[in-house]
């Protein structure tokens, strides 16, 4: 598979919360926690469940950096 996205995080699904229309998927990739909101249909099609191995592919047009106040 070829993609233009370069930010890929492979890890273990640690949370799957589904409601009628949406699903929240949490992935633990090393020291990083990635949370994604997708449609319920997409989550069901992927058959994502806690403990599954998955890859989060990130392609963003904006990245905002912040630092704590001094």
N, C-alpha and C. Protein backbone atom coordinates (compact mmCIF):
# COMPACT_ATOMS: atom_id res chain seq x y z
N UNK A 1 0.85 -1.18 0.00
CA UNK A 1 0.00 0.00 0.00
C UNK A 1 0.89 1.23 0.00
N UNK A 2 0.59 2.21 -0.81
CA UNK A 2 1.32 3.48 -0.85
C UNK A 2 0.42 4.58 -0.34
N UNK A 3 1.01 5.45 0.48
CA UNK A 3 0.26 6.58 1.03
C UNK A 3 1.15 7.79 1.10
N UNK A 4 0.54 8.97 1.17
CA UNK A 4 1.31 10.19 1.36
C UNK A 4 1.52 10.48 2.84
N UNK A 5 0.73 9.87 3.70
CA UNK A 5 0.87 10.09 5.15
C UNK A 5 2.14 9.42 5.64
N UNK A 6 2.92 10.12 6.44
CA UNK A 6 4.17 9.57 6.94
C UNK A 6 4.15 9.29 8.44
N UNK A 7 3.17 9.78 9.13
CA UNK A 7 3.10 9.61 10.58
C UNK A 7 2.25 8.40 10.90
N UNK A 8 2.91 7.30 11.24
CA UNK A 8 2.23 6.03 11.51
C UNK A 8 2.63 5.56 12.89
N UNK A 9 1.64 5.22 13.70
CA UNK A 9 1.88 4.75 15.06
C UNK A 9 1.20 3.39 15.22
N UNK A 10 1.97 2.35 15.37
CA UNK A 10 1.43 1.01 15.56
C UNK A 10 1.43 0.70 17.05
N UNK A 11 0.32 0.18 17.53
CA UNK A 11 0.21 -0.15 18.94
C UNK A 11 -0.98 -1.04 19.21
N UNK A 12 -1.36 -1.06 20.47
CA UNK A 12 -2.45 -1.93 20.94
C UNK A 12 -3.67 -1.07 21.27
N UNK A 13 -4.83 -1.51 20.81
CA UNK A 13 -6.09 -0.83 21.13
C UNK A 13 -6.37 -1.05 22.62
N UNK A 14 -6.51 0.06 23.36
CA UNK A 14 -6.74 -0.03 24.80
C UNK A 14 -8.16 0.35 25.21
N UNK A 15 -8.91 0.93 24.27
CA UNK A 15 -10.30 1.30 24.61
C UNK A 15 -11.11 1.40 23.33
N UNK A 16 -12.33 0.88 23.38
CA UNK A 16 -13.29 1.01 22.29
C UNK A 16 -14.63 1.36 22.92
N UNK A 17 -15.10 2.57 22.66
CA UNK A 17 -16.42 3.00 23.16
C UNK A 17 -17.30 3.30 21.96
N UNK A 18 -18.34 2.51 21.78
CA UNK A 18 -19.25 2.70 20.65
C UNK A 18 -20.59 3.24 21.17
N UNK A 19 -21.17 4.17 20.42
CA UNK A 19 -22.57 4.53 20.66
C UNK A 19 -23.30 4.32 19.34
N UNK A 20 -24.45 4.93 19.17
CA UNK A 20 -25.23 4.67 17.96
C UNK A 20 -24.54 5.12 16.68
N UNK A 21 -23.87 6.29 16.73
CA UNK A 21 -23.31 6.86 15.50
C UNK A 21 -21.79 6.91 15.45
N UNK A 22 -21.14 6.95 16.60
CA UNK A 22 -19.69 7.14 16.62
C UNK A 22 -19.00 6.08 17.48
N UNK A 23 -17.68 6.06 17.35
CA UNK A 23 -16.86 5.20 18.20
C UNK A 23 -15.59 5.96 18.56
N UNK A 24 -15.15 5.82 19.79
CA UNK A 24 -13.89 6.39 20.24
C UNK A 24 -12.92 5.23 20.41
N UNK A 25 -11.81 5.30 19.72
CA UNK A 25 -10.80 4.25 19.77
C UNK A 25 -9.54 4.85 20.38
N UNK A 26 -9.00 4.19 21.40
CA UNK A 26 -7.75 4.62 22.01
C UNK A 26 -6.68 3.58 21.71
N UNK A 27 -5.51 4.07 21.31
CA UNK A 27 -4.39 3.22 20.93
C UNK A 27 -3.19 3.60 21.77
N UNK A 28 -2.49 2.62 22.33
CA UNK A 28 -1.25 2.85 23.07
C UNK A 28 -0.11 2.42 22.17
N UNK A 29 0.72 3.39 21.75
CA UNK A 29 1.86 3.12 20.86
C UNK A 29 3.11 3.59 21.59
N UNK A 30 3.78 2.67 22.25
CA UNK A 30 4.93 3.05 23.07
C UNK A 30 4.48 3.95 24.19
N UNK A 31 5.10 5.10 24.31
CA UNK A 31 4.70 6.04 25.37
C UNK A 31 3.59 6.99 24.94
N UNK A 32 3.10 6.80 23.72
CA UNK A 32 2.07 7.69 23.18
C UNK A 32 0.69 7.07 23.27
N UNK A 33 -0.29 7.92 23.57
CA UNK A 33 -1.70 7.53 23.60
C UNK A 33 -2.39 8.32 22.50
N UNK A 34 -2.98 7.61 21.56
CA UNK A 34 -3.65 8.25 20.43
C UNK A 34 -5.13 7.93 20.52
N UNK A 35 -5.96 8.95 20.41
CA UNK A 35 -7.41 8.77 20.49
C UNK A 35 -8.02 9.23 19.16
N UNK A 36 -8.88 8.40 18.61
CA UNK A 36 -9.52 8.72 17.34
C UNK A 36 -11.03 8.60 17.47
N UNK A 37 -11.73 9.53 16.85
CA UNK A 37 -13.20 9.49 16.78
C UNK A 37 -13.56 9.11 15.36
N UNK A 38 -14.26 8.00 15.19
CA UNK A 38 -14.70 7.57 13.88
C UNK A 38 -16.17 7.21 13.91
N UNK A 39 -16.71 6.96 12.75
CA UNK A 39 -18.11 6.55 12.72
C UNK A 39 -18.22 5.14 13.30
N UNK A 40 -19.36 4.84 13.83
CA UNK A 40 -19.63 3.49 14.34
C UNK A 40 -19.46 2.47 13.23
N UNK A 41 -19.94 2.82 12.03
CA UNK A 41 -19.84 1.91 10.90
C UNK A 41 -18.37 1.58 10.57
N UNK A 42 -17.50 2.59 10.59
CA UNK A 42 -16.08 2.36 10.30
C UNK A 42 -15.44 1.46 11.35
N UNK A 43 -15.74 1.70 12.62
CA UNK A 43 -15.20 0.86 13.69
C UNK A 43 -15.71 -0.57 13.56
N UNK A 44 -16.97 -0.73 13.24
CA UNK A 44 -17.53 -2.08 13.06
C UNK A 44 -16.89 -2.78 11.86
N UNK A 45 -16.67 -2.05 10.76
CA UNK A 45 -16.04 -2.63 9.58
C UNK A 45 -14.62 -3.10 9.89
N UNK A 46 -13.90 -2.33 10.72
CA UNK A 46 -12.54 -2.70 11.10
C UNK A 46 -12.50 -3.78 12.18
N UNK A 47 -13.65 -4.02 12.80
CA UNK A 47 -13.77 -5.02 13.88
C UNK A 47 -12.78 -4.75 15.01
N UNK A 48 -12.59 -3.47 15.33
CA UNK A 48 -11.65 -3.10 16.38
C UNK A 48 -12.16 -3.48 17.76
N UNK A 49 -11.31 -4.13 18.53
CA UNK A 49 -11.63 -4.52 19.90
C UNK A 49 -10.39 -4.29 20.77
N UNK A 50 -10.60 -4.13 22.07
CA UNK A 50 -9.47 -3.98 22.99
C UNK A 50 -8.52 -5.15 22.83
N UNK A 51 -7.22 -4.84 22.85
CA UNK A 51 -6.19 -5.86 22.72
C UNK A 51 -5.72 -6.09 21.29
N UNK A 52 -6.46 -5.55 20.30
CA UNK A 52 -6.07 -5.72 18.90
C UNK A 52 -4.84 -4.87 18.58
N UNK A 53 -4.03 -5.35 17.65
CA UNK A 53 -2.94 -4.57 17.10
C UNK A 53 -3.50 -3.72 15.98
N UNK A 54 -3.17 -2.43 15.96
CA UNK A 54 -3.67 -1.53 14.93
C UNK A 54 -2.65 -0.43 14.68
N UNK A 55 -2.82 0.27 13.58
CA UNK A 55 -1.94 1.40 13.25
C UNK A 55 -2.77 2.64 13.05
N UNK A 56 -2.39 3.72 13.74
CA UNK A 56 -3.01 5.03 13.54
C UNK A 56 -2.17 5.77 12.50
N UNK A 57 -2.81 6.23 11.44
CA UNK A 57 -2.13 6.98 10.39
C UNK A 57 -2.61 8.43 10.51
N UNK A 58 -1.67 9.34 10.70
CA UNK A 58 -2.02 10.74 10.97
C UNK A 58 -1.55 11.61 9.81
N UNK A 59 -2.49 12.36 9.26
CA UNK A 59 -2.16 13.35 8.24
C UNK A 59 -2.97 14.59 8.58
N UNK A 60 -2.28 15.60 9.03
CA UNK A 60 -2.96 16.81 9.49
C UNK A 60 -2.47 18.02 8.70
N UNK A 61 -3.35 18.96 8.49
CA UNK A 61 -2.95 20.19 7.83
C UNK A 61 -2.41 21.20 8.83
N UNK A 62 -2.78 21.09 10.09
CA UNK A 62 -2.31 22.00 11.13
C UNK A 62 -1.83 21.23 12.34
N UNK A 63 -0.74 21.68 12.91
CA UNK A 63 -0.26 21.16 14.18
C UNK A 63 0.03 22.36 15.06
N UNK A 64 -0.61 22.42 16.21
CA UNK A 64 -0.45 23.55 17.12
C UNK A 64 0.42 23.12 18.28
N UNK A 65 1.48 23.87 18.55
CA UNK A 65 2.38 23.58 19.66
C UNK A 65 2.10 24.56 20.78
N UNK A 66 2.14 24.08 22.01
CA UNK A 66 1.95 24.92 23.18
C UNK A 66 3.03 24.61 24.20
N UNK A 67 3.33 25.61 25.00
CA UNK A 67 4.23 25.40 26.14
C UNK A 67 3.50 25.85 27.39
N UNK A 68 3.82 25.25 28.54
CA UNK A 68 3.15 25.66 29.77
C UNK A 68 3.54 27.09 30.15
N UNK A 69 2.65 27.79 30.87
CA UNK A 69 2.98 29.15 31.32
C UNK A 69 4.14 29.12 32.31
N UNK A 70 4.93 30.18 32.29
CA UNK A 70 6.07 30.26 33.22
C UNK A 70 5.65 30.87 34.54
